[in-house]
Amino acid sequence: MRKVRKFLFLGGAVIIVAVVGYLFLGSGEEASTTPTGQVTRIVKVTRGDLNLSVSADGVVQPINKVEIKSKASGQIEQLNFVEGQSVQKGELLIVLDQTTAKNDYEQAKADLAVQEANAIQSENNHRRSTELFEKQLISEQEKDQINVDYVRAKSQLVKAKAVLSSAEERLRETRIIAPVTGIILTKNVELGQIISSGVSNVGGGTLLATIADMELVNVETNVDEVDIGKIKVGQSASVKADAHPDDTFRGEVIRISPLGRSQQNVTTFNVIVEVQNIGAKLKAGMSASVDLEILNKRGVLLVPNDALKDPRGEQGREMLARLQALQTPEGEKKPDSGKTNGDAKNDLASLSMDQLRQRMQNATDAERDRLRNEMRERFQKMSPEERQRMFANFAQQGGGGFGGGQVVIRGEGGGGGGMMMFGGGSSGPRQRRQAQVSGGDEVRNRVTMVKVGEEFVPKMVRAGPSNFDFTEVIEGLKEGDEIQITSISRAKVASQQMTDRIRSSQGVGGIGGGSMGGGGRR
């Protein structure tokens, strides 16, 4: 029985070794020459419209929002509105208890009538005293006293009129009317509630309601700092509310905040768009998406963004070198790239974390300083693509300290600037976020692969503005030209890297008996 189990175990082990050997050593077929992760497709240059716009999320806000408070105090006897109701300027909203105000008014009215009668009597006495004094029937002292009474009566009349006017105003204040035409946004009181005056109360009085004019509304949005330079006052904008996805509202940029706000290392600027609220569909507080129109070009040559490569990038440099080779006559020596094999092997982007860590730990202080300077110089000479590759390489292999201090590398100039710190716990460089669109007057030199005859050859073109999808071609291509696009599939690259790691971490020699041969019953 033991012989049978031993035979079965050895047979299973041989099969497993064969399978593992096939998987990790290959099936014997010739390997594909296509670089891992590369995807190639052919497209044609087309003519169309290029719309450049910056998108952002916003919130609908009323332009003129008024908080309604009462100058009078008292109990609410009438409440003539509800939330969401449209009201006209001067429309009666609230009536307070008028008992005290009416009594004060009637008393002031009666006092005025008395003072008017006194004034008439004093005026008559003053006229008669003047006639009697001319006939020398009264003394000058008596005449002066009558004149004083006359002046006092006139002043009392003025005072009575003022008291009546104040009482009339207090009575009028018990009837609260709409100050503007608009919509009731909030109702803050109920029938029978006692409210306090907003004039005499230190706390500002009771808030009765909030009303806003919604014929024109503002949409407040925040634009990233990388795009704010393209936004100007007066630019057109289109707004779509989440509640009305099929309706587009037209607007105009009316204000750009001069002060940015930073949150989680992202700086944004507040932009106000004024929108005509057609049909009163936009409500205060609604969420909306805003497209700020930068530039609209009609009937221009367009190619996908992936088709154009930056000559400073890795793919661009390779295409540019091929173009130079095609343009160099046979027999002439091609220009040296200026990089030896030793330099290529020591390229900073190709060094692993373990190699850098080992070099730093085994070096003297002087050698560490020299290594830091060498790394800084190489980093500054790198293209943005090489720096990205280096950062990805380091991030894949993990962090950790190098020993002997940190190495700080700073990039200078152009769009490839940045900083990277090598050391325990240090974070990666601050990456510049990509703008949504390029500038409307931007012109750049790019390289692309154009079909000439039966093959694709590199060609320099002049590219204009671009959005997320397409770029305008100003010079170098014509409509109908076929171009080749070669891109890198991140999923394929990641899959290949995982396979490589598995192959390097496992062997196909012997198989231990811990999982298969041990623990069997005898």
Foldseek 3Di string as FASTA:
>chain_A
DVVVVVVVLVVVLVVVLVVVCCQQVHDPDDDDPDDFQKDKDKDFKAWWKAFDWAKFKWFWAFPDKDFDFFQDWAAWADADDDAFDWDAAFAWGTAGDQPVLVVQLVVLVVQLVVLVVQLVVLVVLLVVLVVCVVVVNDDPVVNVVSVVSNVVSVVSNVVSVVSNVVSVVNSVRSTGGHRHTFGWHDADDDHGDIWDGLPPDPVRIDGGTMGGHQQKIKIKTKAWPVCPVLDDFFFKKWKAFPVHNPDIWIWTWHDKAPDWDDDPNTTIIITIIMTRCPPVPRDGGTMMMMIGTRDMDGTFIKDWPLQWADCQDDVNVVQVLQVVVVVDDPPDDDDDPPADPVNVVVQLLPDAPVRQLVQLVPDDPVVNVVVLVVVQVSLQPHDLNSVVSSVVRHVVRDAAASPPDKRKHFHDDDQNTWIQIHGGPDDGIDHDDDGQKDHQADKDKTWGWWDDPHGTGIDIFIWGIHGNTITGTDDDDDGGIMTMGMDGRPVRVVVVVVSVVVSVVDDSDDDDCPVPPPDDDD
